[in-house]
Amino acid sequence: MKKLILMFAAIAAVSFASCGNKQAEAEKAKADSIRIADSIAAVEAAAAEAAATDTTAVVDSAAVVAE
């Protein structure tokens, strides 16, 4: 009888352990998504700034050549 109770206790412990951390995993996935979105936004902003800077340089050199 003791073995049977211990076996049920072990099964219950494994069941609870396998169901845990769903919330923590979901929060981690959300944080990763936000971090990736922020990284993409930063790269796009830097590319836009670089494109604006490059356009200005081309306009300036065209003005120098035209003079």
N, C-alpha and C. Protein backbone atom coordinates (compact mmCIF):
# COMPACT_ATOMS: atom_id res chain seq x y z
N MET A 1 0.81 -1.18 0.00
CA MET A 1 0.00 0.00 0.00
C MET A 1 0.87 1.27 0.00
N LYS A 2 1.99 1.22 0.76
CA LYS A 2 2.89 2.36 0.81
C LYS A 2 3.47 2.66 -0.58
N LYS A 3 3.84 1.60 -1.29
CA LYS A 3 4.41 1.78 -2.62
C LYS A 3 3.40 2.42 -3.57
N LEU A 4 2.15 2.02 -3.42
CA LEU A 4 1.11 2.55 -4.28
C LEU A 4 0.91 4.05 -4.01
N ILE A 5 0.91 4.44 -2.76
CA ILE A 5 0.76 5.86 -2.40
C ILE A 5 1.96 6.66 -2.89
N LEU A 6 3.15 6.11 -2.71
CA LEU A 6 4.35 6.79 -3.19
C LEU A 6 4.34 6.94 -4.71
N MET A 7 3.84 5.92 -5.41
CA MET A 7 3.78 5.98 -6.86
C MET A 7 2.80 7.08 -7.30
N PHE A 8 1.65 7.16 -6.66
CA PHE A 8 0.69 8.22 -7.00
C PHE A 8 1.25 9.61 -6.68
N ALA A 9 1.97 9.70 -5.58
CA ALA A 9 2.59 10.98 -5.21
C ALA A 9 3.64 11.39 -6.25
N ALA A 10 4.41 10.42 -6.71
CA ALA A 10 5.42 10.70 -7.74
C ALA A 10 4.77 11.13 -9.04
N ILE A 11 3.69 10.47 -9.43
CA ILE A 11 2.97 10.84 -10.65
C ILE A 11 2.40 12.25 -10.53
N ALA A 12 1.84 12.56 -9.38
CA ALA A 12 1.29 13.90 -9.16
C ALA A 12 2.39 14.96 -9.23
N ALA A 13 3.54 14.67 -8.65
CA ALA A 13 4.65 15.63 -8.67
C ALA A 13 5.14 15.87 -10.09
N VAL A 14 5.24 14.82 -10.87
CA VAL A 14 5.67 14.96 -12.26
C VAL A 14 4.64 15.74 -13.06
N SER A 15 3.37 15.49 -12.80
CA SER A 15 2.30 16.21 -13.51
C SER A 15 2.37 17.70 -13.21
N PHE A 16 2.54 18.06 -11.95
CA PHE A 16 2.64 19.48 -11.61
C PHE A 16 3.90 20.11 -12.19
N ALA A 17 4.98 19.40 -12.21
CA ALA A 17 6.23 19.93 -12.74
C ALA A 17 6.13 20.16 -14.24
N SER A 18 5.44 19.28 -14.95
CA SER A 18 5.35 19.43 -16.40
C SER A 18 4.40 20.56 -16.81
N CYS A 19 3.50 20.94 -15.95
CA CYS A 19 2.54 22.01 -16.27
C CYS A 19 3.05 23.39 -15.86
N GLY A 20 4.11 23.46 -15.13
CA GLY A 20 4.59 24.73 -14.62
C GLY A 20 5.34 25.55 -15.65
N ASN A 21 5.59 26.81 -15.33
CA ASN A 21 6.39 27.75 -16.10
C ASN A 21 5.77 28.17 -17.42
N LYS A 22 4.50 27.92 -17.64
CA LYS A 22 3.86 28.38 -18.87
C LYS A 22 3.82 29.90 -18.90
N GLN A 23 3.51 30.51 -17.77
CA GLN A 23 3.44 31.96 -17.70
C GLN A 23 4.81 32.58 -17.89
N ALA A 24 5.83 32.01 -17.26
CA ALA A 24 7.18 32.56 -17.39
C ALA A 24 7.68 32.46 -18.82
N GLU A 25 7.37 31.36 -19.50
CA GLU A 25 7.79 31.21 -20.89
C GLU A 25 7.07 32.20 -21.79
N ALA A 26 5.81 32.45 -21.53
CA ALA A 26 5.05 33.41 -22.33
C ALA A 26 5.60 34.83 -22.14
N GLU A 27 5.94 35.19 -20.90
CA GLU A 27 6.50 36.51 -20.64
C GLU A 27 7.87 36.66 -21.31
N LYS A 28 8.66 35.60 -21.29
CA LYS A 28 9.98 35.65 -21.93
C LYS A 28 9.84 35.81 -23.44
N ALA A 29 8.89 35.10 -24.03
CA ALA A 29 8.66 35.21 -25.47
C ALA A 29 8.21 36.62 -25.84
N LYS A 30 7.35 37.22 -25.00
CA LYS A 30 6.88 38.58 -25.26
C LYS A 30 8.03 39.58 -25.15
N ALA A 31 8.88 39.41 -24.14
CA ALA A 31 10.02 40.30 -23.97
C ALA A 31 10.99 40.17 -25.15
N ASP A 32 11.20 38.95 -25.63
CA ASP A 32 12.07 38.75 -26.79
C ASP A 32 11.49 39.43 -28.03
N SER A 33 10.19 39.33 -28.22
CA SER A 33 9.54 39.96 -29.37
C SER A 33 9.71 41.48 -29.31
N ILE A 34 9.53 42.04 -28.13
CA ILE A 34 9.68 43.49 -27.97
C ILE A 34 11.12 43.90 -28.24
N ARG A 35 12.07 43.12 -27.73
CA ARG A 35 13.48 43.44 -27.94
C ARG A 35 13.83 43.39 -29.43
N ILE A 36 13.33 42.40 -30.14
CA ILE A 36 13.61 42.28 -31.57
C ILE A 36 12.97 43.44 -32.34
N ALA A 37 11.73 43.78 -31.99
CA ALA A 37 11.06 44.90 -32.65
C ALA A 37 11.80 46.21 -32.41
N ASP A 38 12.30 46.41 -31.20
CA ASP A 38 13.08 47.61 -30.89
C ASP A 38 14.38 47.64 -31.69
N SER A 39 15.02 46.50 -31.84
CA SER A 39 16.26 46.42 -32.61
C SER A 39 16.01 46.75 -34.08
N ILE A 40 14.93 46.22 -34.62
CA ILE A 40 14.59 46.49 -36.03
C ILE A 40 14.29 47.97 -36.21
N ALA A 41 13.56 48.55 -35.28
CA ALA A 41 13.23 49.98 -35.37
C ALA A 41 14.50 50.83 -35.30
N ALA A 42 15.44 50.45 -34.46
CA ALA A 42 16.69 51.21 -34.34
C ALA A 42 17.51 51.11 -35.64
N VAL A 43 17.54 49.94 -36.24
CA VAL A 43 18.28 49.77 -37.50
C VAL A 43 17.63 50.58 -38.61
N GLU A 44 16.29 50.54 -38.67
CA GLU A 44 15.60 51.32 -39.70
C GLU A 44 15.81 52.81 -39.51
N ALA A 45 15.81 53.28 -38.27
CA ALA A 45 16.04 54.70 -37.99
C ALA A 45 17.45 55.10 -38.39
N ALA A 46 18.42 54.24 -38.10
CA ALA A 46 19.80 54.53 -38.47
C ALA A 46 19.96 54.54 -39.99
N ALA A 47 19.28 53.63 -40.67
CA ALA A 47 19.35 53.60 -42.13
C ALA A 47 18.71 54.84 -42.74
N ALA A 48 17.59 55.27 -42.17
CA ALA A 48 16.93 56.48 -42.66
C ALA A 48 17.81 57.70 -42.43
N GLU A 49 18.46 57.76 -41.28
CA GLU A 49 19.34 58.89 -40.99
C GLU A 49 20.55 58.88 -41.93
N ALA A 50 21.08 57.69 -42.18
CA ALA A 50 22.22 57.59 -43.09
C ALA A 50 21.81 57.99 -44.50
N ALA A 51 20.61 57.61 -44.92
CA ALA A 51 20.13 57.97 -46.25
C ALA A 51 19.94 59.48 -46.34
N ALA A 52 19.44 60.10 -45.29
CA ALA A 52 19.26 61.55 -45.29
C ALA A 52 20.61 62.25 -45.33
N THR A 53 21.58 61.72 -44.62
CA THR A 53 22.93 62.30 -44.62
C THR A 53 23.57 62.13 -45.99
N ASP A 54 23.41 60.98 -46.61
CA ASP A 54 23.99 60.74 -47.93
C ASP A 54 23.37 61.65 -48.98
N THR A 55 22.09 61.89 -48.91
CA THR A 55 21.42 62.77 -49.86
C THR A 55 21.93 64.18 -49.72
N THR A 56 22.15 64.63 -48.51
CA THR A 56 22.68 65.96 -48.27
C THR A 56 24.07 66.09 -48.85
N ALA A 57 24.90 65.05 -48.68
CA ALA A 57 26.26 65.10 -49.20
C ALA A 57 26.25 65.17 -50.73
N VAL A 58 25.34 64.46 -51.35
CA VAL A 58 25.25 64.49 -52.82
C VAL A 58 24.80 65.86 -53.28
N VAL A 59 23.84 66.46 -52.60
CA VAL A 59 23.35 67.79 -52.97
C VAL A 59 24.48 68.80 -52.79
N ASP A 60 25.23 68.72 -51.70
CA ASP A 60 26.32 69.65 -51.45
C ASP A 60 27.40 69.52 -52.51
N SER A 61 27.77 68.30 -52.90
CA SER A 61 28.81 68.16 -53.90
C SER A 61 28.31 68.60 -55.26
N ALA A 62 27.02 68.46 -55.52
CA ALA A 62 26.48 68.96 -56.78
C ALA A 62 26.53 70.48 -56.81
N ALA A 63 26.32 71.12 -55.68
CA ALA A 63 26.38 72.59 -55.62
C ALA A 63 27.82 73.05 -55.84
N VAL A 64 28.79 72.33 -55.31
CA VAL A 64 30.19 72.71 -55.49
C VAL A 64 30.59 72.56 -56.95
N VAL A 65 30.16 71.49 -57.60
CA VAL A 65 30.50 71.25 -58.99
C VAL A 65 29.84 72.30 -59.87
N ALA A 66 28.63 72.72 -59.54
CA ALA A 66 27.91 73.68 -60.35
C ALA A 66 28.53 75.06 -60.25
N GLU A 67 29.20 75.36 -59.19
CA GLU A 67 29.80 76.68 -59.02
C GLU A 67 30.98 76.77 -59.90
